[in-house]
PDB file of N, CA and C in Angstrom:
ATOM      1  N   MET A   1      57.574 -18.129 -24.946  1.00  0.00           N
ATOM      2  CA  MET A   1      57.574 -19.036 -26.063  1.00  0.00           C
ATOM      3  C   MET A   1      57.504 -20.487 -25.605  1.00  0.00           C
ATOM      4  N   PHE A   2      58.185 -20.815 -24.508  1.00  0.00           N
ATOM      5  CA  PHE A   2      58.205 -22.182 -24.026  1.00  0.00           C
ATOM      6  C   PHE A   2      57.430 -22.312 -22.721  1.00  0.00           C
ATOM      7  N   GLU A   3      56.299 -21.636 -22.632  1.00  0.00           N
ATOM      8  CA  GLU A   3      55.494 -21.696 -21.419  1.00  0.00           C
ATOM      9  C   GLU A   3      54.551 -22.876 -21.500  1.00  0.00           C
ATOM     10  N   GLY A   4      54.325 -23.505 -20.373  1.00  0.00           N
ATOM     11  CA  GLY A   4      53.428 -24.651 -20.314  1.00  0.00           C
ATOM     12  C   GLY A   4      54.172 -25.890 -19.848  1.00  0.00           C
ATOM     13  N   GLU A   5      53.474 -27.025 -19.913  1.00  0.00           N
ATOM     14  CA  GLU A   5      54.057 -28.290 -19.480  1.00  0.00           C
ATOM     15  C   GLU A   5      55.088 -28.768 -20.495  1.00  0.00           C
ATOM     16  N   LYS A   6      56.247 -29.173 -20.005  1.00  0.00           N
ATOM     17  CA  LYS A   6      57.325 -29.652 -20.874  1.00  0.00           C
ATOM     18  C   LYS A   6      57.181 -31.166 -21.046  1.00  0.00           C
ATOM     19  N   THR A   7      57.116 -31.624 -22.290  1.00  0.00           N
ATOM     20  CA  THR A   7      57.034 -33.052 -22.572  1.00  0.00           C
ATOM     21  C   THR A   7      58.426 -33.593 -22.885  1.00  0.00           C
ATOM     22  N   TRP A   8      58.503 -34.891 -23.149  1.00  0.00           N
ATOM     23  CA  TRP A   8      59.802 -35.496 -23.460  1.00  0.00           C
ATOM     24  C   TRP A   8      60.345 -34.967 -24.776  1.00  0.00           C
ATOM     25  N   VAL A   9      59.467 -34.531 -25.671  1.00  0.00           N
ATOM     26  CA  VAL A   9      59.928 -33.963 -26.942  1.00  0.00           C
ATOM     27  C   VAL A   9      60.686 -32.660 -26.685  1.00  0.00           C
ATOM     28  N   PHE A  10      60.220 -31.867 -25.741  1.00  0.00           N
ATOM     29  CA  PHE A  10      60.902 -30.632 -25.370  1.00  0.00           C
ATOM     30  C   PHE A  10      62.315 -30.939 -24.878  1.00  0.00           C
ATOM     31  N   TRP A  11      62.440 -31.911 -23.988  1.00  0.00           N
ATOM     32  CA  TRP A  11      63.743 -32.218 -23.402  1.00  0.00           C
ATOM     33  C   TRP A  11      64.677 -32.830 -24.428  1.00  0.00           C
ATOM     34  N   ALA A  12      64.158 -33.660 -25.335  1.00  0.00           N
ATOM     35  CA  ALA A  12      64.995 -34.198 -26.413  1.00  0.00           C
ATOM     36  C   ALA A  12      65.471 -33.069 -27.325  1.00  0.00           C
ATOM     37  N   GLY A  13      64.588 -32.122 -27.624  1.00  0.00           N
ATOM     38  CA  GLY A  13      64.971 -30.972 -28.435  1.00  0.00           C
ATOM     39  C   GLY A  13      66.009 -30.111 -27.751  1.00  0.00           C
ATOM     40  N   LEU A  14      65.907 -29.980 -26.442  1.00  0.00           N
ATOM     41  CA  LEU A  14      66.897 -29.202 -25.687  1.00  0.00           C
ATOM     42  C   LEU A  14      68.270 -29.866 -25.748  1.00  0.00           C
ATOM     43  N   ILE A  15      68.302 -31.187 -25.650  1.00  0.00           N
ATOM     44  CA  ILE A  15      69.571 -31.906 -25.740  1.00  0.00           C
ATOM     45  C   ILE A  15      70.161 -31.766 -27.142  1.00  0.00           C
ATOM     46  N   ILE A  16      69.329 -31.912 -28.169  1.00  0.00           N
ATOM     47  CA  ILE A  16      69.807 -31.750 -29.546  1.00  0.00           C
ATOM     48  C   ILE A  16      70.321 -30.336 -29.772  1.00  0.00           C
ATOM     49  N   LEU A  17      69.589 -29.349 -29.286  1.00  0.00           N
ATOM     50  CA  LEU A  17      70.004 -27.955 -29.423  1.00  0.00           C
ATOM     51  C   LEU A  17      71.350 -27.715 -28.740  1.00  0.00           C
ATOM     52  N   THR A  18      71.521 -28.241 -27.542  1.00  0.00           N
ATOM     53  CA  THR A  18      72.756 -28.033 -26.792  1.00  0.00           C
ATOM     54  C   THR A  18      73.949 -28.687 -27.483  1.00  0.00           C
ATOM     55  N   LEU A  19      73.774 -29.933 -27.911  1.00  0.00           N
ATOM     56  CA  LEU A  19      74.883 -30.615 -28.582  1.00  0.00           C
ATOM     57  C   LEU A  19      75.224 -29.965 -29.915  1.00  0.00           C
ATOM     58  N   ALA A  20      74.212 -29.517 -30.652  1.00  0.00           N
ATOM     59  CA  ALA A  20      74.469 -28.849 -31.929  1.00  0.00           C
ATOM     60  C   ALA A  20      75.187 -27.524 -31.717  1.00  0.00           C
ATOM     61  N   ALA A  21      74.790 -26.775 -30.696  1.00  0.00           N
ATOM     62  CA  ALA A  21      75.457 -25.504 -30.414  1.00  0.00           C
ATOM     63  C   ALA A  21      76.905 -25.735 -29.992  1.00  0.00           C
ATOM     64  N   LEU A  22      77.138 -26.753 -29.171  1.00  0.00           N
ATOM     65  CA  LEU A  22      78.517 -27.061 -28.781  1.00  0.00           C
ATOM     66  C   LEU A  22      79.361 -27.438 -29.990  1.00  0.00           C
ATOM     67  N   GLY A  23      78.825 -28.274 -30.866  1.00  0.00           N
ATOM     68  CA  GLY A  23      79.562 -28.654 -32.067  1.00  0.00           C
ATOM     69  C   GLY A  23      79.824 -27.477 -32.986  1.00  0.00           C
ATOM     70  N   LEU A  24      78.828 -26.618 -33.132  1.00  0.00           N
ATOM     71  CA  LEU A  24      78.985 -25.449 -33.994  1.00  0.00           C
ATOM     72  C   LEU A  24      80.041 -24.493 -33.447  1.00  0.00           C
ATOM     73  N   PHE A  25      79.973 -24.198 -32.166  1.00  0.00           N
ATOM     74  CA  PHE A  25      80.950 -23.298 -31.573  1.00  0.00           C
ATOM     75  C   PHE A  25      82.347 -23.916 -31.558  1.00  0.00           C
ATOM     76  N   TRP A  26      82.436 -25.237 -31.371  1.00  0.00           N
ATOM     77  CA  TRP A  26      83.728 -25.898 -31.416  1.00  0.00           C
ATOM     78  C   TRP A  26      84.334 -25.762 -32.809  1.00  0.00           C
ATOM     79  N   GLY A  27      83.536 -25.981 -33.839  1.00  0.00           N
ATOM     80  CA  GLY A  27      84.036 -25.866 -35.207  1.00  0.00           C
ATOM     81  C   GLY A  27      84.501 -24.465 -35.532  1.00  0.00           C
ATOM     82  N   ILE A  28      83.741 -23.476 -35.117  1.00  0.00           N
ATOM     83  CA  ILE A  28      84.132 -22.080 -35.367  1.00  0.00           C
ATOM     84  C   ILE A  28      85.410 -21.742 -34.605  1.00  0.00           C
ATOM     85  N   TRP A  29      85.490 -22.186 -33.354  1.00  0.00           N
ATOM     86  CA  TRP A  29      86.683 -21.912 -32.554  1.00  0.00           C
ATOM     87  C   TRP A  29      87.903 -22.605 -33.154  1.00  0.00           C
ATOM     88  N   PHE A  30      87.739 -23.847 -33.602  1.00  0.00           N
ATOM     89  CA  PHE A  30      88.862 -24.575 -34.165  1.00  0.00           C
ATOM     90  C   PHE A  30      89.329 -23.943 -35.469  1.00  0.00           C
ATOM     91  N   MET A  31      88.399 -23.410 -36.254  1.00  0.00           N
ATOM     92  CA  MET A  31      88.785 -22.725 -37.477  1.00  0.00           C
ATOM     93  C   MET A  31      89.608 -21.477 -37.176  1.00  0.00           C
ATOM     94  N   MET A  32      89.335 -20.833 -36.060  1.00  0.00           N
ATOM     95  CA  MET A  32      90.072 -19.622 -35.698  1.00  0.00           C
ATOM     96  C   MET A  32      91.491 -19.924 -35.217  1.00  0.00           C
ATOM     97  N   ILE A  33      91.686 -21.072 -34.568  1.00  0.00           N
ATOM     98  CA  ILE A  33      93.006 -21.340 -33.995  1.00  0.00           C
ATOM     99  C   ILE A  33      93.867 -22.231 -34.875  1.00  0.00           C
ATOM    100  N   VAL A  34      93.323 -22.750 -35.984  1.00  0.00           N
ATOM    101  CA  VAL A  34      94.119 -23.622 -36.856  1.00  0.00           C
ATOM    102  C   VAL A  34      95.220 -22.787 -37.515  1.00  0.00           C
ATOM    103  N   PRO A  35      96.433 -23.336 -37.626  1.00  0.00           N
ATOM    104  CA  PRO A  35      97.513 -22.574 -38.256  1.00  0.00           C
ATOM    105  C   PRO A  35      97.196 -22.273 -39.716  1.00  0.00           C
ATOM    106  N   GLY A  36      97.499 -21.081 -40.142  1.00  0.00           N
ATOM    107  CA  GLY A  36      97.266 -20.696 -41.522  1.00  0.00           C
ATOM    108  C   GLY A  36      96.083 -19.770 -41.699  1.00  0.00           C
ATOM    109  N   GLY A  37      95.433 -19.421 -40.629  1.00  0.00           N
ATOM    110  CA  GLY A  37      94.336 -18.471 -40.720  1.00  0.00           C
ATOM    111  C   GLY A  37      92.977 -19.119 -40.845  1.00  0.00           C
ATOM    112  N   LEU A  38      92.002 -18.294 -41.117  1.00  0.00           N
ATOM    113  CA  LEU A  38      90.604 -18.712 -41.128  1.00  0.00           C
ATOM    114  C   LEU A  38      90.277 -19.653 -42.271  1.00  0.00           C
ATOM    115  N   PHE A  39      90.925 -19.495 -43.410  1.00  0.00           N
ATOM    116  CA  PHE A  39      90.541 -20.245 -44.601  1.00  0.00           C
ATOM    117  C   PHE A  39      91.334 -21.534 -44.792  1.00  0.00           C
ATOM    118  N   ALA A  40      92.195 -21.881 -43.848  1.00  0.00           N
ATOM    119  CA  ALA A  40      92.987 -23.098 -43.993  1.00  0.00           C
ATOM    120  C   ALA A  40      92.139 -24.351 -43.828  1.00  0.00           C
ATOM    121  N   GLY A  41      91.183 -24.328 -42.931  1.00  0.00           N
ATOM    122  CA  GLY A  41      90.395 -25.525 -42.671  1.00  0.00           C
ATOM    123  C   GLY A  41      88.931 -25.385 -43.010  1.00  0.00           C
ATOM    124  N   TRP A  42      88.571 -24.439 -43.827  1.00  0.00           N
ATOM    125  CA  TRP A  42      87.146 -24.191 -44.081  1.00  0.00           C
ATOM    126  C   TRP A  42      86.497 -25.324 -44.842  1.00  0.00           C
ATOM    127  N   GLN A  43      87.235 -26.011 -45.703  1.00  0.00           N
ATOM    128  CA  GLN A  43      86.637 -27.115 -46.457  1.00  0.00           C
ATOM    129  C   GLN A  43      86.253 -28.272 -45.550  1.00  0.00           C
ATOM    130  N   ILE A  44      86.962 -28.429 -44.490  1.00  0.00           N
ATOM    131  CA  ILE A  44      86.661 -29.507 -43.549  1.00  0.00           C
ATOM    132  C   ILE A  44      85.456 -29.155 -42.691  1.00  0.00           C
ATOM    133  N   PHE A  45      85.332 -27.908 -42.278  1.00  0.00           N
ATOM    134  CA  PHE A  45      84.344 -27.550 -41.280  1.00  0.00           C
ATOM    135  C   PHE A  45      83.041 -26.989 -41.824  1.00  0.00           C
ATOM    136  N   VAL A  46      82.955 -26.741 -43.125  1.00  0.00           N
ATOM    137  CA  VAL A  46      81.691 -26.241 -43.683  1.00  0.00           C
ATOM    138  C   VAL A  46      80.550 -27.234 -43.485  1.00  0.00           C
ATOM    139  N   PRO A  47      80.732 -28.532 -43.761  1.00  0.00           N
ATOM    140  CA  PRO A  47      79.616 -29.457 -43.507  1.00  0.00           C
ATOM    141  C   PRO A  47      79.197 -29.506 -42.043  1.00  0.00           C
ATOM    142  N   TYR A  48      80.169 -29.439 -41.134  1.00  0.00           N
ATOM    143  CA  TYR A  48      79.843 -29.448 -39.711  1.00  0.00           C
ATOM    144  C   TYR A  48      79.105 -28.175 -39.298  1.00  0.00           C
ATOM    145  N   THR A  49      79.472 -27.069 -39.880  1.00  0.00           N
ATOM    146  CA  THR A  49      78.807 -25.805 -39.577  1.00  0.00           C
ATOM    147  C   THR A  49      77.365 -25.821 -40.080  1.00  0.00           C
ATOM    148  N   VAL A  50      77.170 -26.283 -41.296  1.00  0.00           N
ATOM    149  CA  VAL A  50      75.808 -26.364 -41.844  1.00  0.00           C
ATOM    150  C   VAL A  50      74.970 -27.348 -41.040  1.00  0.00           C
ATOM    151  N   ALA A  51      75.548 -28.496 -40.704  1.00  0.00           N
ATOM    152  CA  ALA A  51      74.816 -29.475 -39.899  1.00  0.00           C
ATOM    153  C   ALA A  51      74.483 -28.917 -38.520  1.00  0.00           C
ATOM    154  N   GLY A  52      75.399 -28.161 -37.932  1.00  0.00           N
ATOM    155  CA  GLY A  52      75.118 -27.554 -36.630  1.00  0.00           C
ATOM    156  C   GLY A  52      73.955 -26.583 -36.693  1.00  0.00           C
ATOM    157  N   ILE A  53      73.901 -25.780 -37.740  1.00  0.00           N
ATOM    158  CA  ILE A  53      72.789 -24.829 -37.894  1.00  0.00           C
ATOM    159  C   ILE A  53      71.477 -25.563 -38.103  1.00  0.00           C
ATOM    160  N   VAL A  54      71.499 -26.607 -38.930  1.00  0.00           N
ATOM    161  CA  VAL A  54      70.273 -27.381 -39.178  1.00  0.00           C
ATOM    162  C   VAL A  54      69.783 -28.048 -37.897  1.00  0.00           C
ATOM    163  N   PHE A  55      70.681 -28.647 -37.140  1.00  0.00           N
ATOM    164  CA  PHE A  55      70.264 -29.309 -35.908  1.00  0.00           C
ATOM    165  C   PHE A  55      69.826 -28.311 -34.838  1.00  0.00           C
ATOM    166  N   ILE A  56      70.366 -27.105 -34.841  1.00  0.00           N
ATOM    167  CA  ILE A  56      69.870 -26.075 -33.925  1.00  0.00           C
ATOM    168  C   ILE A  56      68.419 -25.741 -34.261  1.00  0.00           C
ATOM    169  N   LEU A  57      68.118 -25.603 -35.543  1.00  0.00           N
ATOM    170  CA  LEU A  57      66.739 -25.323 -35.955  1.00  0.00           C
ATOM    171  C   LEU A  57      65.807 -26.483 -35.613  1.00  0.00           C
ATOM    172  N   ILE A  58      66.273 -27.714 -35.803  1.00  0.00           N
ATOM    173  CA  ILE A  58      65.465 -28.880 -35.444  1.00  0.00           C
ATOM    174  C   ILE A  58      65.204 -28.908 -33.943  1.00  0.00           C
ATOM    175  N   GLY A  59      66.236 -28.643 -33.146  1.00  0.00           N
ATOM    176  CA  GLY A  59      66.067 -28.625 -31.692  1.00  0.00           C
ATOM    177  C   GLY A  59      65.097 -27.549 -31.234  1.00  0.00           C
ATOM    178  N   LEU A  60      65.176 -26.363 -31.835  1.00  0.00           N
ATOM    179  CA  LEU A  60      64.238 -25.298 -31.470  1.00  0.00           C
ATOM    180  C   LEU A  60      62.801 -25.676 -31.832  1.00  0.00           C
ATOM    181  N   TYR A  61      62.617 -26.304 -33.005  1.00  0.00           N
ATOM    182  CA  TYR A  61      61.278 -26.727 -33.406  1.00  0.00           C
ATOM    183  C   TYR A  61      60.740 -27.801 -32.459  1.00  0.00           C
ATOM    184  N   MET A  62      61.594 -28.740 -32.058  1.00  0.00           N
ATOM    185  CA  MET A  62      61.160 -29.768 -31.113  1.00  0.00           C
ATOM    186  C   MET A  62      60.802 -29.151 -29.769  1.00  0.00           C
ATOM    187  N   MET A  63      61.568 -28.166 -29.328  1.00  0.00           N
ATOM    188  CA  MET A  63      61.252 -27.517 -28.056  1.00  0.00           C
ATOM    189  C   MET A  63      59.927 -26.775 -28.147  1.00  0.00           C
ATOM    190  N   LYS A  64      59.674 -26.134 -29.293  1.00  0.00           N
ATOM    191  CA  LYS A  64      58.426 -25.396 -29.462  1.00  0.00           C
ATOM    192  C   LYS A  64      57.232 -26.343 -29.489  1.00  0.00           C
ATOM    193  N   SER A  65      57.362 -27.458 -30.202  1.00  0.00           N
ATOM    194  CA  SER A  65      56.237 -28.382 -30.308  1.00  0.00           C
ATOM    195  C   SER A  65      56.122 -29.287 -29.090  1.00  0.00           C
ATOM    196  N   GLY A  66      57.115 -29.288 -28.222  1.00  0.00           N
ATOM    197  CA  GLY A  66      57.092 -30.148 -27.047  1.00  0.00           C
ATOM    198  C   GLY A  66      56.526 -29.503 -25.806  1.00  0.00           C
ATOM    199  N   THR A  67      55.923 -28.358 -25.925  1.00  0.00           N
ATOM    200  CA  THR A  67      55.276 -27.725 -24.773  1.00  0.00           C
ATOM    201  C   THR A  67      53.773 -27.810 -24.943  1.00  0.00           C
ATOM    202  N   ARG A  68      53.109 -28.227 -23.864  1.00  0.00           N
ATOM    203  CA  ARG A  68      51.654 -28.283 -23.867  1.00  0.00           C
ATOM    204  C   ARG A  68      51.126 -27.042 -23.192  1.00  0.00           C
ATOM    205  N   ARG A  69      50.248 -26.391 -23.872  1.00  0.00           N
ATOM    206  CA  ARG A  69      49.610 -25.197 -23.288  1.00  0.00           C
ATOM    207  C   ARG A  69      48.331 -25.613 -22.590  1.00  0.00           C
ATOM    208  N   GLU A  70      48.020 -24.901 -21.538  1.00  0.00           N
ATOM    209  CA  GLU A  70      46.775 -25.148 -20.845  1.00  0.00           C
ATOM    210  C   GLU A  70      45.614 -24.648 -21.689  1.00  0.00           C
ATOM    211  N   ARG A  71      44.545 -25.418 -21.719  1.00  0.00           N
ATOM    212  CA  ARG A  71      43.377 -25.001 -22.492  1.00  0.00           C
ATOM    213  C   ARG A  71      42.698 -23.815 -21.799  1.00  0.00           C
ATOM    214  N   GLN A  72      42.320 -22.877 -22.605  1.00  0.00           N
ATOM    215  CA  GLN A  72      41.600 -21.716 -22.102  1.00  0.00           C
ATOM    216  C   GLN A  72      40.121 -22.068 -21.998  1.00  0.00           C
ATOM    217  N   PRO A  73      39.435 -21.647 -20.960  1.00  0.00           N
ATOM    218  CA  PRO A  73      38.008 -21.929 -20.864  1.00  0.00           C
ATOM    219  C   PRO A  73      37.242 -21.273 -22.003  1.00  0.00           C
ATOM    220  N   GLY A  74      36.351 -22.037 -22.613  1.00  0.00           N
ATOM    221  CA  GLY A  74      35.534 -21.506 -23.675  1.00  0.00           C
ATOM    222  C   GLY A  74      36.115 -21.658 -25.054  1.00  0.00           C
ATOM    223  N   THR A  75      37.236 -22.382 -25.185  1.00  0.00           N
ATOM    224  CA  THR A  75      37.827 -22.581 -26.498  1.00  0.00           C
ATOM    225  C   THR A  75      37.424 -23.942 -27.044  1.00  0.00           C
ATOM    226  N   ALA A  76      37.477 -24.076 -28.340  1.00  0.00           N
ATOM    227  CA  ALA A  76      37.122 -25.345 -28.975  1.00  0.00           C
ATOM    228  C   ALA A  76      38.220 -26.371 -28.755  1.00  0.00           C
ATOM    229  N   VAL A  77      37.874 -27.611 -28.951  1.00  0.00           N
ATOM    230  CA  VAL A  77      38.826 -28.700 -28.727  1.00  0.00           C
ATOM    231  C   VAL A  77      39.870 -28.740 -29.764  1.00  0.00           C
TER     232      VAL A  77
END
């Protein structure tokens, strides 16, 4: 999926993906260890969870569009 030359867009997407995944996993982990069970802090962390998922998708799209494929001989420009 990510074969070819990596451009700066790929690397920026990788950084966004990594930070979003860290934030998402941190939020899920914190919800598990907060006193009072899983539903005690859900109102606080739902926006962070949704934002983490959205930024993961943005990072994956940037990584996909940030790879240059080699042109195959005989293909149109």
